[in-house]
């Protein structure tokens, strides 16, 4: 009887540990847009989207949380990402429509943080 209780207690403990680890991991997962931003945009726009990086300053990268960018529609941002603009390269051949949509969503998240 003691071994059955011990086994049950160990089983419950193991489940609790795995559940806690899953919850902790869920809280640290990145949005698809953030991962794409980090892989494709951060060099020029910086992690906060401000454009205050050496590359961003040299190329005149826009602050993605600025009123100028914020007033642009999702469609306009999608077009800019897809086709490029001025010194910004196009990403239409590199990223899928879904990827670009996720990037636009992440840019909107950056706007809310400022």
N, C-alpha and C. Protein backbone atom coordinates (compact mmCIF):
# COMPACT_ATOMS: atom_id res chain seq x y z
N UNK A 1 0.81 -1.18 0.00
CA UNK A 1 0.00 0.00 0.00
C UNK A 1 0.86 1.26 0.00
N UNK A 2 1.96 1.25 0.80
CA UNK A 2 2.86 2.39 0.84
C UNK A 2 3.49 2.63 -0.53
N UNK A 3 3.86 1.55 -1.24
CA UNK A 3 4.50 1.70 -2.54
C UNK A 3 3.52 2.28 -3.56
N UNK A 4 2.24 1.96 -3.44
CA UNK A 4 1.23 2.50 -4.33
C UNK A 4 1.09 4.01 -4.10
N UNK A 5 1.06 4.43 -2.84
CA UNK A 5 0.97 5.86 -2.52
C UNK A 5 2.22 6.60 -2.98
N UNK A 6 3.36 5.97 -2.76
CA UNK A 6 4.62 6.58 -3.18
C UNK A 6 4.64 6.73 -4.70
N UNK A 7 4.21 5.70 -5.40
CA UNK A 7 4.16 5.75 -6.87
C UNK A 7 3.20 6.82 -7.35
N UNK A 8 2.06 6.95 -6.72
CA UNK A 8 1.09 7.98 -7.08
C UNK A 8 1.67 9.37 -6.81
N UNK A 9 2.33 9.53 -5.67
CA UNK A 9 2.92 10.82 -5.33
C UNK A 9 4.01 11.19 -6.33
N UNK A 10 4.81 10.23 -6.73
CA UNK A 10 5.87 10.49 -7.71
C UNK A 10 5.25 10.86 -9.05
N UNK A 11 4.20 10.15 -9.44
CA UNK A 11 3.51 10.44 -10.70
C UNK A 11 2.93 11.84 -10.72
N UNK A 12 2.31 12.24 -9.64
CA UNK A 12 1.74 13.58 -9.55
C UNK A 12 2.84 14.64 -9.60
N UNK A 13 3.94 14.38 -8.93
CA UNK A 13 5.06 15.32 -8.93
C UNK A 13 5.62 15.48 -10.34
N UNK A 14 5.80 14.37 -11.04
CA UNK A 14 6.32 14.41 -12.41
C UNK A 14 5.38 15.21 -13.30
N UNK A 15 4.08 14.98 -13.19
CA UNK A 15 3.11 15.72 -13.99
C UNK A 15 3.16 17.21 -13.67
N UNK A 16 3.29 17.55 -12.42
CA UNK A 16 3.35 18.95 -12.02
C UNK A 16 4.59 19.63 -12.59
N UNK A 17 5.72 18.92 -12.58
CA UNK A 17 6.96 19.48 -13.12
C UNK A 17 6.80 19.74 -14.62
N UNK A 18 6.27 18.76 -15.35
CA UNK A 18 6.09 18.94 -16.79
C UNK A 18 5.07 20.03 -17.09
N UNK A 19 4.01 20.11 -16.34
CA UNK A 19 3.01 21.16 -16.55
C UNK A 19 3.62 22.52 -16.29
N UNK A 20 4.41 22.65 -15.25
CA UNK A 20 5.07 23.92 -14.95
C UNK A 20 6.04 24.31 -16.03
N UNK A 21 6.79 23.35 -16.54
CA UNK A 21 7.75 23.63 -17.61
C UNK A 21 7.02 24.07 -18.88
N UNK A 22 5.89 23.44 -19.17
CA UNK A 22 5.11 23.82 -20.36
C UNK A 22 4.57 25.23 -20.23
N UNK A 23 4.07 25.59 -19.06
CA UNK A 23 3.56 26.93 -18.84
C UNK A 23 4.67 27.97 -18.94
N UNK A 24 5.82 27.66 -18.38
CA UNK A 24 6.95 28.58 -18.46
C UNK A 24 7.39 28.78 -19.90
N UNK A 25 7.43 27.70 -20.66
CA UNK A 25 7.84 27.77 -22.05
C UNK A 25 6.81 28.54 -22.87
N UNK A 26 5.53 28.35 -22.60
CA UNK A 26 4.48 29.03 -23.33
C UNK A 26 4.59 30.54 -23.15
N UNK A 27 5.01 30.98 -22.01
CA UNK A 27 5.14 32.40 -21.75
C UNK A 27 6.32 33.04 -22.45
N UNK A 28 7.28 32.24 -22.92
CA UNK A 28 8.47 32.79 -23.55
C UNK A 28 8.48 32.61 -25.07
N UNK A 29 7.47 31.99 -25.62
CA UNK A 29 7.43 31.78 -27.05
C UNK A 29 7.25 33.10 -27.77
N UNK A 30 7.94 33.25 -28.89
CA UNK A 30 7.84 34.46 -29.69
C UNK A 30 6.70 34.33 -30.68
N UNK A 31 6.11 35.46 -31.00
CA UNK A 31 5.11 35.46 -32.06
C UNK A 31 5.84 35.22 -33.38
N UNK A 32 5.14 34.67 -34.37
CA UNK A 32 5.79 34.47 -35.67
C UNK A 32 6.33 35.78 -36.24
N UNK A 33 5.57 36.86 -36.04
CA UNK A 33 6.00 38.16 -36.54
C UNK A 33 7.29 38.63 -35.90
N UNK A 34 7.41 38.41 -34.59
CA UNK A 34 8.63 38.83 -33.90
C UNK A 34 9.83 38.04 -34.40
N UNK A 35 9.67 36.75 -34.58
CA UNK A 35 10.77 35.92 -35.10
C UNK A 35 11.18 36.38 -36.50
N UNK A 36 10.19 36.67 -37.34
CA UNK A 36 10.49 37.16 -38.69
C UNK A 36 11.17 38.53 -38.64
N UNK A 37 10.70 39.39 -37.74
CA UNK A 37 11.29 40.71 -37.58
C UNK A 37 12.75 40.58 -37.17
N UNK A 38 13.02 39.71 -36.21
CA UNK A 38 14.39 39.52 -35.74
C UNK A 38 15.29 38.97 -36.85
N UNK A 39 14.74 38.15 -37.71
CA UNK A 39 15.54 37.54 -38.77
C UNK A 39 15.75 38.47 -39.97
N UNK A 40 14.81 39.40 -40.20
CA UNK A 40 14.86 40.17 -41.44
C UNK A 40 14.93 41.69 -41.28
N UNK A 41 14.52 42.22 -40.15
CA UNK A 41 14.34 43.66 -40.04
C UNK A 41 15.19 44.33 -38.97
N UNK A 42 15.60 43.57 -37.99
CA UNK A 42 16.24 44.13 -36.79
C UNK A 42 17.57 44.83 -37.11
N UNK A 43 18.27 44.37 -38.13
CA UNK A 43 19.55 44.97 -38.48
C UNK A 43 19.41 46.47 -38.76
N UNK A 44 18.36 46.83 -39.47
CA UNK A 44 18.15 48.24 -39.81
C UNK A 44 17.20 48.96 -38.85
N UNK A 45 16.13 48.29 -38.48
CA UNK A 45 15.12 48.95 -37.66
C UNK A 45 15.36 48.82 -36.15
N UNK A 46 16.26 47.94 -35.74
CA UNK A 46 16.55 47.75 -34.32
C UNK A 46 15.46 46.93 -33.64
N UNK A 47 15.75 46.43 -32.46
CA UNK A 47 14.80 45.55 -31.77
C UNK A 47 13.53 46.29 -31.35
N UNK A 48 13.61 47.60 -31.21
CA UNK A 48 12.43 48.38 -30.83
C UNK A 48 11.74 49.03 -32.02
N UNK A 49 12.27 48.82 -33.23
CA UNK A 49 11.68 49.38 -34.44
C UNK A 49 12.04 50.83 -34.70
N UNK A 50 12.89 51.42 -33.88
CA UNK A 50 13.19 52.85 -33.97
C UNK A 50 14.04 53.23 -35.17
N UNK A 51 14.78 52.29 -35.74
CA UNK A 51 15.68 52.58 -36.84
C UNK A 51 17.00 53.16 -36.39
N UNK A 52 17.21 53.18 -35.08
CA UNK A 52 18.44 53.78 -34.52
C UNK A 52 19.53 52.72 -34.37
N UNK A 53 19.93 52.18 -35.50
CA UNK A 53 21.06 51.25 -35.56
C UNK A 53 22.05 51.86 -36.55
N UNK A 54 23.30 51.40 -36.55
CA UNK A 54 24.24 51.94 -37.54
C UNK A 54 23.72 51.78 -38.98
N UNK A 55 23.20 50.60 -39.30
CA UNK A 55 22.68 50.38 -40.65
C UNK A 55 21.44 51.23 -40.90
N UNK A 56 20.56 51.26 -39.92
CA UNK A 56 19.32 52.04 -40.06
C UNK A 56 19.58 53.52 -40.24
N UNK A 57 20.53 54.04 -39.49
CA UNK A 57 20.87 55.45 -39.60
C UNK A 57 21.47 55.74 -40.98
N UNK A 58 22.36 54.88 -41.43
CA UNK A 58 23.01 55.07 -42.74
C UNK A 58 22.00 54.99 -43.88
N UNK A 59 21.00 54.14 -43.74
CA UNK A 59 20.02 53.93 -44.82
C UNK A 59 18.76 54.77 -44.67
N UNK A 60 18.62 55.47 -43.54
CA UNK A 60 17.42 56.28 -43.32
C UNK A 60 16.20 55.44 -43.00
N UNK A 61 16.39 54.36 -42.25
CA UNK A 61 15.28 53.47 -41.89
C UNK A 61 14.26 54.23 -41.05
N UNK A 62 13.00 53.99 -41.34
CA UNK A 62 11.91 54.64 -40.61
C UNK A 62 11.77 54.07 -39.21
N UNK A 63 11.35 54.92 -38.29
CA UNK A 63 10.93 54.48 -36.96
C UNK A 63 9.55 53.86 -37.15
N UNK A 64 9.42 52.57 -36.91
CA UNK A 64 8.18 51.86 -37.18
C UNK A 64 7.05 52.22 -36.21
N UNK A 65 7.38 52.95 -35.15
CA UNK A 65 6.35 53.40 -34.21
C UNK A 65 6.01 54.88 -34.40
N UNK A 66 6.59 55.48 -35.44
CA UNK A 66 6.35 56.91 -35.68
C UNK A 66 4.93 57.14 -36.18
N UNK A 67 4.41 58.35 -35.99
CA UNK A 67 3.07 58.67 -36.52
C UNK A 67 2.99 58.46 -38.03
N UNK A 68 4.08 58.75 -38.74
CA UNK A 68 4.10 58.57 -40.20
C UNK A 68 3.83 57.11 -40.59
N UNK A 69 4.47 56.19 -39.90
CA UNK A 69 4.28 54.76 -40.20
C UNK A 69 2.94 54.28 -39.62
N UNK A 70 2.60 54.74 -38.44
CA UNK A 70 1.37 54.30 -37.77
C UNK A 70 0.12 54.62 -38.58
N UNK A 71 0.14 55.73 -39.31
CA UNK A 71 -1.06 56.11 -40.07
C UNK A 71 -1.20 55.33 -41.38
N UNK A 72 -0.18 54.59 -41.73
CA UNK A 72 -0.25 53.78 -42.96
C UNK A 72 -1.15 52.57 -42.73
N UNK A 73 -1.87 52.20 -43.75
CA UNK A 73 -2.77 51.04 -43.63
C UNK A 73 -1.96 49.75 -43.66
N UNK A 74 -2.58 48.67 -43.24
CA UNK A 74 -1.93 47.36 -43.32
C UNK A 74 -1.56 47.04 -44.77
N UNK A 75 -2.43 47.41 -45.68
CA UNK A 75 -2.18 47.16 -47.10
C UNK A 75 -0.95 47.93 -47.57
N UNK A 76 -0.79 49.18 -47.13
CA UNK A 76 0.38 49.97 -47.51
C UNK A 76 1.66 49.38 -46.92
N UNK A 77 1.60 48.94 -45.66
CA UNK A 77 2.79 48.31 -45.06
C UNK A 77 3.13 47.01 -45.77
N UNK A 78 2.10 46.24 -46.12
CA UNK A 78 2.31 44.99 -46.85
C UNK A 78 3.00 45.27 -48.18
N UNK A 79 2.55 46.29 -48.88
CA UNK A 79 3.15 46.65 -50.16
C UNK A 79 4.61 47.06 -49.99
N UNK A 80 4.90 47.84 -48.96
CA UNK A 80 6.27 48.28 -48.72
C UNK A 80 7.18 47.10 -48.43
N UNK A 81 6.72 46.18 -47.59
CA UNK A 81 7.52 45.00 -47.26
C UNK A 81 7.70 44.13 -48.50
N UNK A 82 6.64 43.95 -49.26
CA UNK A 82 6.68 43.09 -50.44
C UNK A 82 7.57 43.66 -51.53
N UNK A 83 7.41 44.94 -51.83
CA UNK A 83 8.10 45.54 -52.98
C UNK A 83 9.35 46.34 -52.61
N UNK A 84 9.50 46.65 -51.32
CA UNK A 84 10.61 47.49 -50.91
C UNK A 84 10.26 48.95 -51.13
N UNK A 85 11.11 49.83 -50.65
CA UNK A 85 10.88 51.26 -50.83
C UNK A 85 12.20 52.00 -50.60
N UNK A 86 12.55 52.85 -51.52
CA UNK A 86 13.82 53.58 -51.47
C UNK A 86 14.96 52.59 -51.23
N UNK A 87 15.67 52.70 -50.11
CA UNK A 87 16.81 51.81 -49.85
C UNK A 87 16.42 50.49 -49.19
N UNK A 88 15.16 50.36 -48.80
CA UNK A 88 14.70 49.10 -48.19
C UNK A 88 14.49 48.06 -49.28
N UNK A 89 15.08 46.87 -49.12
CA UNK A 89 14.91 45.84 -50.14
C UNK A 89 13.50 45.25 -50.11
N UNK A 90 13.14 44.61 -51.20
CA UNK A 90 11.85 43.92 -51.26
C UNK A 90 11.99 42.54 -50.61
N UNK A 91 10.92 42.11 -49.96
CA UNK A 91 10.91 40.79 -49.33
C UNK A 91 9.86 39.88 -49.94
N UNK A 92 9.23 40.32 -51.02
CA UNK A 92 8.16 39.56 -51.65
C UNK A 92 8.55 38.19 -52.16
N UNK A 93 9.79 38.03 -52.56
CA UNK A 93 10.24 36.73 -53.05
C UNK A 93 10.83 35.87 -51.94
N UNK A 94 11.17 36.50 -50.83
CA UNK A 94 11.79 35.79 -49.71
C UNK A 94 10.75 35.30 -48.70
N UNK A 95 9.69 36.10 -48.49
CA UNK A 95 8.69 35.79 -47.47
C UNK A 95 7.34 35.50 -48.11
N UNK A 96 6.59 34.62 -47.46
CA UNK A 96 5.24 34.30 -47.94
C UNK A 96 4.27 35.41 -47.55
N UNK A 97 3.07 35.37 -48.11
CA UNK A 97 2.03 36.34 -47.74
C UNK A 97 1.74 36.27 -46.25
N UNK A 98 1.71 35.06 -45.72
CA UNK A 98 1.45 34.88 -44.29
C UNK A 98 2.57 35.50 -43.46
N UNK A 99 3.81 35.30 -43.89
CA UNK A 99 4.95 35.89 -43.19
C UNK A 99 4.82 37.42 -43.17
N UNK A 100 4.49 38.00 -44.30
CA UNK A 100 4.38 39.45 -44.39
C UNK A 100 3.23 39.94 -43.53
N UNK A 101 2.12 39.23 -43.53
CA UNK A 101 0.99 39.58 -42.64
C UNK A 101 1.44 39.54 -41.18
N UNK A 102 2.20 38.52 -40.81
CA UNK A 102 2.71 38.41 -39.43
C UNK A 102 3.65 39.57 -39.09
N UNK A 103 4.45 39.99 -40.05
CA UNK A 103 5.33 41.14 -39.83
C UNK A 103 4.53 42.42 -39.61
N UNK A 104 3.51 42.62 -40.42
CA UNK A 104 2.66 43.81 -40.25
C UNK A 104 2.01 43.78 -38.87
N UNK A 105 1.54 42.64 -38.45
CA UNK A 105 0.93 42.52 -37.11
C UNK A 105 1.95 42.86 -36.03
N UNK A 106 3.19 42.41 -36.20
CA UNK A 106 4.22 42.71 -35.22
C UNK A 106 4.57 44.20 -35.22
N UNK A 107 4.59 44.82 -36.37
CA UNK A 107 4.85 46.26 -36.44
C UNK A 107 3.76 47.01 -35.66
N UNK A 108 2.52 46.54 -35.77
CA UNK A 108 1.44 47.17 -35.00
C UNK A 108 1.66 46.99 -33.50
N UNK A 109 2.23 45.86 -33.10
CA UNK A 109 2.56 45.64 -31.68
C UNK A 109 3.63 46.62 -31.24
N UNK A 110 4.63 46.87 -32.07
CA UNK A 110 5.69 47.84 -31.75
C UNK A 110 5.10 49.23 -31.54
N UNK A 111 4.13 49.59 -32.37
CA UNK A 111 3.49 50.91 -32.25
C UNK A 111 2.84 51.06 -30.87
N UNK A 112 2.23 50.01 -30.37
CA UNK A 112 1.52 50.06 -29.09
C UNK A 112 2.49 50.21 -27.92
N UNK A 113 3.73 49.75 -28.09
CA UNK A 113 4.72 49.81 -27.02
C UNK A 113 5.30 51.21 -26.83
N UNK A 114 5.10 52.07 -27.83
CA UNK A 114 5.69 53.44 -27.77
C UNK A 114 4.67 54.45 -27.41
